[in-house]
N, C-alpha and C. Protein backbone atom coordinates (compact mmCIF):
# COMPACT_ATOMS: atom_id res chain seq x y z
N MET A 1 31.05 22.74 -24.57
CA MET A 1 30.24 21.72 -23.89
C MET A 1 28.66 22.25 -23.38
N ALA A 2 27.75 21.25 -23.61
CA ALA A 2 26.39 22.15 -23.16
C ALA A 2 26.14 21.90 -21.95
N LYS A 3 25.43 22.89 -21.40
CA LYS A 3 24.84 22.99 -20.22
C LYS A 3 23.72 21.88 -19.70
N ASP A 4 24.12 21.24 -18.53
CA ASP A 4 23.35 20.23 -18.19
C ASP A 4 21.82 20.79 -17.76
N SER A 5 20.73 20.08 -18.14
CA SER A 5 19.30 20.26 -17.56
C SER A 5 18.89 19.77 -16.34
N SER A 6 18.09 20.07 -15.64
CA SER A 6 17.89 19.13 -14.33
C SER A 6 16.69 19.48 -13.84
N PHE A 7 15.97 18.59 -12.95
CA PHE A 7 14.75 18.89 -12.34
C PHE A 7 15.13 18.27 -10.92
N ASP A 8 13.99 18.69 -9.93
CA ASP A 8 14.03 17.85 -8.77
C ASP A 8 12.60 17.12 -8.42
N ILE A 9 13.25 16.05 -7.86
CA ILE A 9 11.95 14.97 -7.10
C ILE A 9 11.61 15.62 -5.83
N VAL A 10 10.44 15.94 -5.28
CA VAL A 10 9.97 16.21 -4.21
C VAL A 10 8.77 15.63 -3.74
N SER A 11 8.48 15.67 -2.43
CA SER A 11 7.17 15.07 -2.17
C SER A 11 6.74 16.44 -1.14
N GLU A 12 6.03 17.30 -1.75
CA GLU A 12 5.28 18.27 -0.82
C GLU A 12 3.72 18.29 -0.80
N VAL A 13 3.03 18.81 0.32
CA VAL A 13 1.82 18.84 0.52
C VAL A 13 1.33 20.27 0.48
N ASP A 14 0.46 20.80 0.07
CA ASP A 14 0.12 22.08 0.13
C ASP A 14 -0.76 22.32 1.48
N MET A 15 -0.18 22.77 2.68
CA MET A 15 -0.75 22.68 3.89
C MET A 15 -1.97 23.49 4.09
N GLN A 16 -2.29 24.56 3.35
CA GLN A 16 -3.31 25.47 3.31
C GLN A 16 -4.50 25.00 2.74
N GLU A 17 -4.00 24.00 1.63
CA GLU A 17 -5.39 23.12 1.08
C GLU A 17 -5.60 22.11 2.09
N VAL A 18 -4.74 21.67 2.80
CA VAL A 18 -5.09 20.24 3.82
C VAL A 18 -6.20 21.23 5.02
N ASP A 19 -5.52 22.28 5.34
CA ASP A 19 -6.16 23.25 6.41
C ASP A 19 -7.69 23.48 5.99
N ASN A 20 -7.94 23.72 4.58
CA ASN A 20 -9.13 24.02 3.84
C ASN A 20 -10.06 22.86 3.94
N ALA A 21 -9.49 21.70 3.72
CA ALA A 21 -10.22 20.48 3.43
C ALA A 21 -10.68 19.98 4.88
N TYR A 22 -9.83 20.36 6.05
CA TYR A 22 -10.25 20.11 7.65
C TYR A 22 -11.39 20.69 7.79
N GLN A 23 -11.16 21.95 7.63
CA GLN A 23 -12.45 23.18 7.91
C GLN A 23 -13.55 22.61 7.30
N GLN A 24 -13.75 22.34 6.12
CA GLN A 24 -14.85 21.81 5.45
C GLN A 24 -15.38 20.40 6.18
N THR A 25 -14.43 19.49 6.37
CA THR A 25 -14.70 18.36 7.17
C THR A 25 -15.31 18.58 8.41
N ALA A 26 -14.88 19.43 9.48
CA ALA A 26 -15.35 19.80 10.55
C ALA A 26 -16.83 20.35 10.43
N ARG A 27 -17.02 21.16 9.46
CA ARG A 27 -18.22 21.74 9.33
C ARG A 27 -19.22 20.84 9.03
N GLU A 28 -18.83 19.71 8.28
CA GLU A 28 -19.77 18.56 7.78
C GLU A 28 -20.02 17.64 8.84
N ILE A 29 -19.33 17.71 9.77
CA ILE A 29 -19.41 16.70 10.98
C ILE A 29 -20.43 17.44 11.60
N THR A 30 -20.57 18.52 11.78
CA THR A 30 -21.54 19.22 12.69
C THR A 30 -22.97 19.48 12.01
N GLN A 31 -22.88 19.11 10.82
CA GLN A 31 -24.11 19.51 9.95
C GLN A 31 -24.99 18.31 9.34
N ARG A 32 -24.04 17.17 9.19
CA ARG A 32 -24.61 15.94 8.39
C ARG A 32 -25.19 14.90 9.78
N TYR A 33 -26.42 14.69 9.18
CA TYR A 33 -27.33 13.98 10.24
C TYR A 33 -26.91 12.85 10.85
N ASP A 34 -26.05 11.89 10.25
CA ASP A 34 -25.58 10.64 10.92
C ASP A 34 -24.26 10.86 11.60
N LEU A 35 -23.68 12.29 11.56
CA LEU A 35 -22.47 12.54 12.27
C LEU A 35 -22.76 13.49 13.31
N LYS A 36 -24.00 14.47 13.14
CA LYS A 36 -24.04 15.51 14.04
C LYS A 36 -24.24 15.41 15.48
N ASP A 37 -24.99 14.45 15.87
CA ASP A 37 -25.29 14.06 17.52
C ASP A 37 -24.06 12.91 17.88
N SER A 38 -23.32 12.52 16.93
CA SER A 38 -22.51 11.33 17.57
C SER A 38 -21.28 11.58 18.44
N GLY A 39 -20.94 12.79 18.53
CA GLY A 39 -19.93 13.19 19.50
C GLY A 39 -18.40 13.13 18.96
N ALA A 40 -18.44 12.99 17.52
CA ALA A 40 -17.04 12.82 16.88
C ALA A 40 -16.66 14.19 16.57
N SER A 41 -15.31 14.03 16.69
CA SER A 41 -14.47 15.48 16.23
C SER A 41 -13.17 15.22 15.71
N ILE A 42 -12.82 16.33 15.05
CA ILE A 42 -11.57 16.16 14.22
C ILE A 42 -10.74 17.28 14.47
N SER A 43 -9.48 17.28 14.57
CA SER A 43 -8.49 18.13 14.91
C SER A 43 -7.41 18.10 13.95
N PHE A 44 -6.65 19.21 13.67
CA PHE A 44 -5.58 19.50 12.83
C PHE A 44 -4.47 20.27 13.38
N SER A 45 -3.34 19.93 13.33
CA SER A 45 -1.86 20.31 13.84
C SER A 45 -1.12 20.78 12.79
N LYS A 46 -0.94 21.77 12.24
CA LYS A 46 -0.01 22.21 11.24
C LYS A 46 1.31 21.62 11.46
N PRO A 47 1.77 22.31 12.75
CA PRO A 47 3.43 22.00 13.02
C PRO A 47 3.63 20.68 13.15
N GLU A 48 3.07 19.81 13.63
CA GLU A 48 3.17 18.31 13.86
C GLU A 48 2.69 17.59 12.39
N LYS A 49 1.88 18.33 11.89
CA LYS A 49 1.23 17.70 10.59
C LYS A 49 0.63 16.29 10.80
N THR A 50 -0.28 16.29 11.52
CA THR A 50 -1.13 15.28 12.10
C THR A 50 -2.83 15.95 11.85
N ILE A 51 -3.34 14.94 11.74
CA ILE A 51 -4.90 15.14 11.52
C ILE A 51 -5.39 13.96 12.78
N THR A 52 -6.13 14.52 13.75
CA THR A 52 -6.69 13.50 14.72
C THR A 52 -8.30 13.49 14.62
N ILE A 53 -8.74 12.25 14.77
CA ILE A 53 -10.09 12.03 14.68
C ILE A 53 -10.64 11.19 15.86
N ASN A 54 -11.45 11.85 16.80
CA ASN A 54 -12.08 11.22 18.05
C ASN A 54 -13.45 10.78 17.58
N ALA A 55 -13.79 9.55 17.60
CA ALA A 55 -15.14 9.26 17.42
C ALA A 55 -15.60 7.91 18.59
N PRO A 56 -17.01 7.95 18.38
CA PRO A 56 -17.65 7.06 19.37
C PRO A 56 -17.21 5.53 18.94
N ALA A 57 -17.28 5.33 17.75
CA ALA A 57 -16.85 4.02 17.18
C ALA A 57 -15.89 3.99 15.83
N ASP A 58 -15.25 2.85 15.66
CA ASP A 58 -14.51 2.59 14.72
C ASP A 58 -15.26 3.14 13.22
N PHE A 59 -16.45 2.27 13.16
CA PHE A 59 -17.15 2.84 12.04
C PHE A 59 -17.59 4.36 11.55
N VAL A 60 -17.68 5.24 12.68
CA VAL A 60 -17.74 6.79 12.34
C VAL A 60 -16.60 7.18 12.23
N ALA A 61 -15.30 6.64 12.82
CA ALA A 61 -14.00 7.39 12.35
C ALA A 61 -13.69 7.00 11.02
N ARG A 62 -14.22 5.91 10.49
CA ARG A 62 -13.96 5.64 8.99
C ARG A 62 -14.89 6.47 7.92
N GLN A 63 -15.77 6.73 8.65
CA GLN A 63 -16.94 7.79 7.88
C GLN A 63 -16.32 8.87 7.68
N ILE A 64 -15.62 9.68 8.74
CA ILE A 64 -14.88 10.81 8.87
C ILE A 64 -13.60 10.73 8.05
N ILE A 65 -13.03 9.78 7.83
CA ILE A 65 -11.89 9.45 7.23
C ILE A 65 -12.25 9.54 5.67
N ASP A 66 -13.35 8.87 5.37
CA ASP A 66 -13.89 9.08 3.85
C ASP A 66 -14.33 10.47 3.53
N VAL A 67 -14.93 11.13 4.43
CA VAL A 67 -15.18 12.48 4.12
C VAL A 67 -14.13 13.52 4.09
N MET A 68 -12.86 13.12 4.82
CA MET A 68 -11.90 13.98 4.78
C MET A 68 -11.06 13.88 3.52
N GLY A 69 -11.30 12.48 3.19
CA GLY A 69 -10.64 12.02 1.63
C GLY A 69 -11.24 12.77 0.48
N SER A 70 -12.51 12.68 0.62
CA SER A 70 -13.22 13.53 -0.50
C SER A 70 -13.08 14.71 -0.69
N LYS A 71 -12.89 15.60 0.53
CA LYS A 71 -12.50 16.87 0.66
C LYS A 71 -10.84 16.98 -0.07
N LEU A 72 -10.04 16.33 0.40
CA LEU A 72 -8.68 16.30 0.03
C LEU A 72 -8.62 16.10 -1.52
N ILE A 73 -9.41 15.10 -2.25
CA ILE A 73 -9.42 14.88 -3.54
C ILE A 73 -10.00 16.29 -4.29
N LYS A 74 -10.88 16.80 -3.91
CA LYS A 74 -11.29 17.93 -4.38
C LYS A 74 -10.42 19.01 -4.51
N ARG A 75 -9.45 19.13 -3.65
CA ARG A 75 -8.39 20.07 -3.57
C ARG A 75 -7.03 19.57 -4.12
N SER A 76 -7.03 18.40 -4.83
CA SER A 76 -6.02 17.91 -5.44
C SER A 76 -4.91 17.50 -4.74
N ILE A 77 -5.03 16.99 -3.72
CA ILE A 77 -3.99 16.46 -2.63
C ILE A 77 -4.45 14.79 -2.67
N GLU A 78 -3.25 14.12 -2.98
CA GLU A 78 -3.56 12.80 -3.25
C GLU A 78 -3.55 11.99 -1.84
N LEU A 79 -4.69 11.21 -1.81
CA LEU A 79 -4.81 10.27 -0.52
C LEU A 79 -3.58 9.83 0.11
N SER A 80 -2.56 9.39 -0.81
CA SER A 80 -1.28 8.75 -0.17
C SER A 80 -0.67 9.52 0.37
N ALA A 81 -0.92 10.97 0.58
CA ALA A 81 -0.14 12.06 1.36
C ALA A 81 -0.25 11.63 2.60
N ILE A 82 -1.53 11.29 3.02
CA ILE A 82 -1.60 10.71 4.54
C ILE A 82 -1.67 9.40 4.93
N ASN A 83 -0.78 9.07 5.78
CA ASN A 83 -0.84 7.51 6.56
C ASN A 83 -1.57 7.71 7.73
N TRP A 84 -2.58 6.68 7.67
CA TRP A 84 -3.53 6.63 9.07
C TRP A 84 -3.12 5.60 9.64
N ASP A 85 -3.09 5.83 10.99
CA ASP A 85 -2.73 4.96 11.86
C ASP A 85 -3.88 3.94 12.25
N ALA A 86 -3.51 2.74 12.98
CA ALA A 86 -4.82 1.90 13.27
C ALA A 86 -5.57 2.61 14.44
N PRO A 87 -6.90 2.37 14.50
CA PRO A 87 -7.76 3.07 15.45
C PRO A 87 -7.29 2.50 17.04
N LEU A 88 -7.41 3.49 17.68
CA LEU A 88 -6.70 3.05 19.25
C LEU A 88 -7.83 3.34 20.22
N ALA A 89 -8.02 2.89 21.04
CA ALA A 89 -9.27 2.91 22.07
C ALA A 89 -8.75 3.96 22.79
N ALA A 90 -9.67 4.95 23.03
CA ALA A 90 -9.42 6.35 24.03
C ALA A 90 -10.31 6.17 25.19
N SER A 91 -10.35 7.43 26.00
CA SER A 91 -11.17 7.19 27.27
C SER A 91 -12.63 7.17 26.82
N GLY A 92 -13.55 6.82 27.85
CA GLY A 92 -14.71 6.79 27.43
C GLY A 92 -15.40 5.88 26.47
N GLY A 93 -14.71 4.80 26.08
CA GLY A 93 -14.94 4.14 24.99
C GLY A 93 -14.86 4.58 23.65
N THR A 94 -14.36 5.68 23.65
CA THR A 94 -14.14 6.10 22.14
C THR A 94 -12.97 5.66 21.32
N VAL A 95 -12.53 6.20 20.08
CA VAL A 95 -11.72 5.57 18.99
C VAL A 95 -11.09 6.94 19.03
N ARG A 96 -9.62 6.82 18.83
CA ARG A 96 -8.85 7.72 18.21
C ARG A 96 -8.01 7.30 17.09
N VAL A 97 -8.10 7.87 15.77
CA VAL A 97 -7.44 7.69 14.58
C VAL A 97 -6.48 8.87 14.31
N VAL A 98 -5.10 8.73 14.11
CA VAL A 98 -4.31 9.69 13.86
C VAL A 98 -3.87 9.60 12.45
N GLY A 99 -3.79 10.54 11.73
CA GLY A 99 -3.25 10.75 10.19
C GLY A 99 -2.25 11.67 10.09
N HIS A 100 -1.02 10.96 9.66
CA HIS A 100 0.17 11.64 9.70
C HIS A 100 0.56 12.09 8.29
N LEU A 101 0.62 13.54 7.84
CA LEU A 101 0.93 14.06 6.39
C LEU A 101 2.26 13.80 6.14
N ILE A 102 2.54 13.01 4.95
CA ILE A 102 3.96 12.91 4.51
C ILE A 102 4.30 14.02 3.65
N ALA A 103 5.64 14.46 4.27
CA ALA A 103 6.47 15.81 3.65
C ALA A 103 7.70 15.49 3.37
N GLY A 104 8.31 15.58 2.28
CA GLY A 104 9.68 15.14 2.07
C GLY A 104 9.93 13.71 1.78
N ILE A 105 11.17 13.30 1.39
CA ILE A 105 11.35 12.02 0.72
C ILE A 105 12.59 11.68 1.79
N ASP A 106 12.15 10.60 2.75
CA ASP A 106 13.20 9.90 3.78
C ASP A 106 14.23 9.47 2.82
N GLN A 107 15.38 9.15 3.41
CA GLN A 107 16.49 8.64 3.05
C GLN A 107 16.35 7.19 2.37
N SER A 108 15.60 6.38 3.11
CA SER A 108 15.58 5.04 2.49
C SER A 108 14.79 5.19 1.19
N LEU A 109 13.78 5.90 1.17
CA LEU A 109 12.87 6.00 -0.24
C LEU A 109 13.83 6.76 -1.38
N ALA A 110 14.51 7.70 -0.74
CA ALA A 110 15.60 8.46 -2.06
C ALA A 110 16.55 7.18 -2.53
N LYS A 111 17.08 6.51 -1.68
CA LYS A 111 17.88 5.70 -2.21
C LYS A 111 17.44 4.66 -2.96
N ARG A 112 16.19 4.31 -2.93
CA ARG A 112 15.38 3.35 -3.57
C ARG A 112 15.06 4.13 -4.83
N ILE A 113 14.67 5.05 -4.93
CA ILE A 113 14.46 6.04 -6.31
C ILE A 113 15.57 6.12 -7.06
N ASN A 114 16.77 6.22 -6.28
CA ASN A 114 18.04 6.32 -7.02
C ASN A 114 18.34 5.18 -7.52
N LYS A 115 18.29 3.90 -6.94
CA LYS A 115 18.86 2.82 -7.46
C LYS A 115 17.83 2.48 -8.66
N ASP A 116 16.37 2.78 -8.68
CA ASP A 116 15.68 2.27 -9.86
C ASP A 116 16.05 3.21 -10.85
N ILE A 117 16.38 4.66 -10.76
CA ILE A 117 16.85 5.25 -12.04
C ILE A 117 18.00 4.63 -12.53
N LYS A 118 19.12 4.42 -11.56
CA LYS A 118 20.11 3.84 -12.13
C LYS A 118 20.49 2.65 -13.14
N ASP A 119 19.19 1.84 -12.19
CA ASP A 119 18.95 0.49 -13.14
C ASP A 119 18.41 0.70 -14.57
N LEU A 120 17.88 1.79 -14.81
CA LEU A 120 17.56 2.19 -16.09
C LEU A 120 18.74 2.35 -17.18
N LYS A 121 19.79 2.65 -16.73
CA LYS A 121 21.11 2.87 -17.29
C LYS A 121 20.83 4.03 -18.31
N ALA A 122 20.12 5.06 -17.91
CA ALA A 122 19.99 6.31 -18.88
C ALA A 122 21.08 7.15 -18.30
N LYS A 123 21.53 8.19 -19.34
CA LYS A 123 22.60 8.97 -19.20
C LYS A 123 22.06 10.10 -18.14
N VAL A 124 21.88 9.79 -17.05
CA VAL A 124 21.74 10.75 -16.03
C VAL A 124 22.27 10.84 -14.70
N LYS A 125 22.32 12.02 -13.95
CA LYS A 125 23.02 11.95 -12.61
C LYS A 125 22.02 12.18 -11.60
N VAL A 126 21.99 11.35 -10.81
CA VAL A 126 21.05 11.80 -9.56
C VAL A 126 21.81 12.19 -8.31
N THR A 127 21.51 13.13 -7.81
CA THR A 127 21.95 13.48 -6.19
C THR A 127 20.88 13.54 -5.29
N ILE A 128 21.15 13.12 -4.32
CA ILE A 128 20.25 13.13 -3.20
C ILE A 128 20.43 14.56 -2.31
N GLU A 129 19.74 15.44 -2.11
CA GLU A 129 19.93 16.49 -1.31
C GLU A 129 18.75 16.87 -0.38
N GLY A 130 19.30 16.42 0.94
CA GLY A 130 18.12 16.34 1.88
C GLY A 130 16.91 15.50 1.74
N ASP A 131 15.83 16.30 1.51
CA ASP A 131 14.53 15.50 1.13
C ASP A 131 14.15 15.63 -0.05
N ARG A 132 14.84 15.85 -1.15
CA ARG A 132 14.64 15.83 -2.46
C ARG A 132 15.82 15.27 -3.36
N LEU A 133 15.59 14.84 -4.43
CA LEU A 133 16.37 14.23 -5.39
C LEU A 133 16.61 15.24 -6.64
N ARG A 134 17.78 15.44 -7.00
CA ARG A 134 18.06 16.23 -8.22
C ARG A 134 18.47 15.37 -9.36
N VAL A 135 18.10 15.38 -10.50
CA VAL A 135 18.38 14.56 -11.72
C VAL A 135 18.92 15.72 -12.52
N SER A 136 19.92 15.41 -13.05
CA SER A 136 20.56 16.28 -14.26
C SER A 136 20.90 15.48 -15.42
N SER A 137 20.86 15.91 -16.52
CA SER A 137 21.46 15.45 -17.85
C SER A 137 21.71 16.41 -19.05
N ALA A 138 22.51 16.21 -19.83
CA ALA A 138 22.71 16.77 -21.00
C ALA A 138 21.28 16.81 -21.92
N SER A 139 20.80 15.77 -21.86
CA SER A 139 19.60 15.54 -22.84
C SER A 139 18.49 15.67 -21.88
N LYS A 140 17.68 16.86 -22.66
CA LYS A 140 16.40 16.93 -22.24
C LYS A 140 15.26 15.62 -22.46
N ASP A 141 15.42 15.04 -23.36
CA ASP A 141 15.00 13.51 -23.69
C ASP A 141 15.01 12.82 -22.63
N ALA A 142 16.18 12.67 -22.15
CA ALA A 142 16.55 11.60 -21.10
C ALA A 142 15.78 12.18 -19.60
N LEU A 143 15.85 13.22 -19.52
CA LEU A 143 15.11 13.81 -18.10
C LEU A 143 13.53 13.42 -18.33
N GLN A 144 12.87 13.62 -19.53
CA GLN A 144 11.74 13.42 -19.80
C GLN A 144 11.24 12.00 -19.59
N SER A 145 12.13 10.99 -20.06
CA SER A 145 11.70 9.73 -20.16
C SER A 145 12.07 9.24 -18.41
N ILE A 146 12.74 9.76 -17.81
CA ILE A 146 12.96 9.71 -16.31
C ILE A 146 11.69 10.13 -15.61
N ILE A 147 11.28 11.16 -15.68
CA ILE A 147 9.95 11.59 -15.11
C ILE A 147 8.90 10.52 -15.42
N ALA A 148 8.57 10.35 -16.75
CA ALA A 148 7.67 9.23 -17.22
C ALA A 148 7.82 7.75 -16.31
N PHE A 149 9.12 7.58 -15.99
CA PHE A 149 9.43 6.19 -15.39
C PHE A 149 8.85 6.51 -13.86
N VAL A 150 9.33 7.51 -13.27
CA VAL A 150 9.18 7.76 -11.66
C VAL A 150 7.49 7.80 -11.76
N ARG A 151 6.72 8.33 -12.53
CA ARG A 151 5.37 8.56 -12.54
C ARG A 151 4.66 7.14 -12.56
N GLU A 152 5.38 6.29 -13.36
CA GLU A 152 4.60 5.02 -13.54
C GLU A 152 4.95 3.91 -12.24
N GLN A 153 5.78 4.45 -11.37
CA GLN A 153 6.27 3.48 -10.07
C GLN A 153 5.11 4.03 -9.02
N ASP A 154 5.25 2.92 -8.11
CA ASP A 154 4.41 3.29 -6.95
C ASP A 154 5.45 3.36 -5.60
N TYR A 155 5.60 4.52 -5.28
CA TYR A 155 6.49 4.71 -4.08
C TYR A 155 5.81 4.97 -2.65
N GLY A 156 4.43 4.92 -2.81
CA GLY A 156 3.72 5.01 -1.42
C GLY A 156 3.41 6.33 -0.83
N GLN A 157 4.02 7.54 -1.77
CA GLN A 157 3.51 9.00 -1.60
C GLN A 157 3.60 9.64 -2.63
N PRO A 158 3.08 10.52 -2.84
CA PRO A 158 2.93 11.42 -4.23
C PRO A 158 4.17 12.04 -4.11
N LEU A 159 4.70 11.90 -5.59
CA LEU A 159 5.91 12.74 -5.85
C LEU A 159 5.51 13.98 -7.28
N GLN A 160 6.24 14.99 -6.88
CA GLN A 160 6.34 15.94 -7.76
C GLN A 160 7.61 16.46 -8.23
N PHE A 161 7.50 16.88 -9.58
CA PHE A 161 8.89 17.40 -10.48
C PHE A 161 8.79 18.68 -10.37
N VAL A 162 9.78 19.32 -9.85
CA VAL A 162 9.77 21.05 -9.87
C VAL A 162 11.24 21.53 -10.28
N ASN A 163 11.43 22.71 -10.60
CA ASN A 163 12.57 23.32 -10.82
C ASN A 163 13.17 22.52 -12.22
N TYR A 164 12.48 22.35 -13.25
CA TYR A 164 12.84 21.78 -14.25
C TYR A 164 13.53 22.96 -15.14
N ARG A 165 14.84 22.78 -15.35
CA ARG A 165 15.75 23.92 -16.23
C ARG A 165 16.39 23.12 -17.29
């Protein structure tokens, strides 16, 4: 009997690249003429995986989000990896916007991906292992078709395919 081939579907973000994008954004806030004296600031918490923007107005906060987005794109991080909350009023008439980095696949999304793959009726086996899915099959062509299918779908967060064996 032939050995099964497999790959994992994961959702990971390179935190060092996010930190680099954050540093560039913070530098641009202090140098750009329209943001320099606005009183806007940005902070990044690696353990909590959050980016917090404090700005004097919603418009300025949106500008900083756009700057951060451009820095992330240059570093090959998809914008869907960050969920931005609605702007909240903070002290002194300022606005606070918090962005949460998505890392890992939650159970409900894993079940949805599993169901979508099973609906294809391909000869593959899908197992949910924590925050990742393992797809295995005897046919490498079946695995390639599953990768192509999952890439076409929009699950609201970036997905990567690793450990292809």
